[in-house]
Protein backbone atom coordinates (compact mmCIF):
# COMPACT_ATOMS: atom_id res chain seq x y z
CA MET A 1 -111.11 186.82 248.67
CA THR A 2 -111.19 190.45 249.64
CA TRP A 3 -109.30 192.61 247.17
CA GLN A 4 -108.36 196.00 248.56
CA ARG A 5 -106.97 198.93 246.61
CA VAL A 6 -103.65 199.89 248.20
CA GLY A 7 -102.37 202.48 245.75
CA SER A 8 -101.63 203.18 242.15
CA VAL A 9 -98.87 201.91 239.91
CA ALA A 10 -97.37 205.41 239.90
CA ASP A 11 -97.05 205.28 243.72
CA VAL A 12 -94.50 202.44 243.70
CA GLN A 13 -91.03 202.90 242.26
CA VAL A 14 -88.35 200.23 241.86
CA ASP A 15 -86.31 200.16 245.09
CA VAL A 16 -88.81 202.47 246.87
CA PRO A 17 -91.65 200.43 248.41
CA LEU A 18 -95.01 201.88 249.35
CA ALA A 19 -96.05 201.52 253.01
CA VAL A 20 -99.80 201.11 253.46
CA THR A 21 -102.11 200.24 256.32
CA VAL A 22 -105.32 198.38 255.59
CA GLY A 23 -107.38 197.88 258.72
CA GLU A 24 -104.85 196.56 261.23
CA LYS A 25 -102.43 195.20 258.62
CA GLN A 26 -99.25 197.05 257.79
CA LEU A 27 -98.09 196.17 254.29
CA ALA A 28 -95.21 197.09 252.04
CA VAL A 29 -95.83 197.05 248.28
CA TYR A 30 -92.73 196.47 246.14
CA ARG A 31 -92.07 196.79 242.43
CA ILE A 32 -89.57 194.61 240.62
CA GLY A 33 -89.62 195.49 236.94
CA ASP A 34 -93.28 195.44 235.95
CA ASP A 35 -94.31 193.08 238.77
CA PHE A 36 -95.75 194.11 242.14
CA TYR A 37 -95.55 192.26 245.46
CA ALA A 38 -97.11 192.87 248.88
CA LEU A 39 -95.56 191.64 252.13
CA ASP A 40 -96.03 192.20 255.83
CA ASP A 41 -94.24 195.47 256.55
CA VAL A 42 -93.14 194.55 260.08
CA CYS A 43 -89.98 192.51 260.53
CA PRO A 44 -90.74 189.32 262.51
CA HIS A 45 -87.47 189.63 264.47
CA ALA A 46 -88.07 193.02 266.09
CA PHE A 47 -90.44 195.84 265.30
CA ALA A 48 -89.04 197.64 262.28
CA LEU A 49 -90.79 198.67 259.09
CA LEU A 50 -89.30 196.88 256.11
CA SER A 51 -90.62 199.61 253.82
CA SER A 52 -87.87 201.74 255.41
CA GLY A 53 -85.30 199.06 254.68
CA PHE A 54 -82.83 198.65 251.87
CA VAL A 55 -84.09 197.13 248.62
CA GLU A 56 -81.61 195.55 246.27
CA GLY A 57 -82.90 193.54 243.34
CA ASP A 58 -85.49 191.10 244.69
CA LYS A 59 -84.44 191.37 248.36
CA VAL A 60 -85.20 193.74 251.21
CA GLU A 61 -82.98 194.19 254.25
CA CYS A 62 -84.44 195.19 257.60
CA PRO A 63 -83.20 198.64 258.64
CA LEU A 64 -82.84 197.62 262.29
CA HIS A 65 -80.83 194.38 262.40
CA GLN A 66 -80.24 193.58 258.70
CA ALA A 67 -82.46 190.49 258.43
CA LEU A 68 -82.91 189.69 254.73
CA PHE A 69 -86.11 188.70 252.90
CA HIS A 70 -86.97 187.59 249.35
CA ILE A 71 -89.58 190.05 248.03
CA PRO A 72 -91.49 187.74 245.64
CA THR A 73 -92.04 185.04 248.29
CA GLY A 74 -91.47 186.66 251.70
CA LYS A 75 -88.94 183.93 252.51
CA CYS A 76 -86.44 184.79 255.23
CA LEU A 77 -82.94 184.62 253.74
CA GLY A 78 -80.78 185.77 256.62
CA PRO A 79 -80.63 186.20 260.38
CA PRO A 80 -81.38 187.43 262.90
CA ALA A 81 -84.95 186.81 261.69
CA ASP A 82 -85.94 183.17 261.27
CA THR A 83 -89.56 183.55 260.18
CA ASP A 84 -90.89 184.20 256.68
CA LEU A 85 -93.09 187.19 255.93
CA VAL A 86 -96.65 186.72 254.72
CA ALA A 87 -96.84 187.42 251.00
CA PHE A 88 -100.23 188.58 249.75
CA PRO A 89 -101.60 188.08 246.22
CA VAL A 90 -101.43 191.25 244.12
CA LYS A 91 -103.16 192.24 240.91
CA VAL A 92 -103.08 195.38 238.83
CA GLU A 93 -106.27 196.72 237.28
CA GLY A 94 -105.56 199.74 235.13
CA PRO A 95 -103.65 202.20 237.33
CA ASP A 96 -104.73 200.50 240.59
CA ILE A 97 -102.81 198.00 242.73
CA LEU A 98 -105.05 195.60 244.62
CA VAL A 99 -104.03 193.19 247.37
CA ASP A 100 -106.01 190.12 248.46
CA LEU A 101 -106.31 190.27 252.24
């Protein structure tokens, strides 16, 4: 496991994900209540950054073609996408958010 610091707890607000790039990976870090989740930031249907999408509850909608994804699991919930996002393990240590890449 390679845990990488991607930001601080204060950087991620509910309904406002944090876009981060670690190496060649583009990630979006989401906050739902006190829990944090990290997903691929690029929609698998067409290149669009999901961190620029619309977050409602535990779902994010792609800003380009409105594909829908479940934030805690990365599961694709609606077309036109038909592929799940990769969900990365997240842990919080003090003020830091770490993602296992």
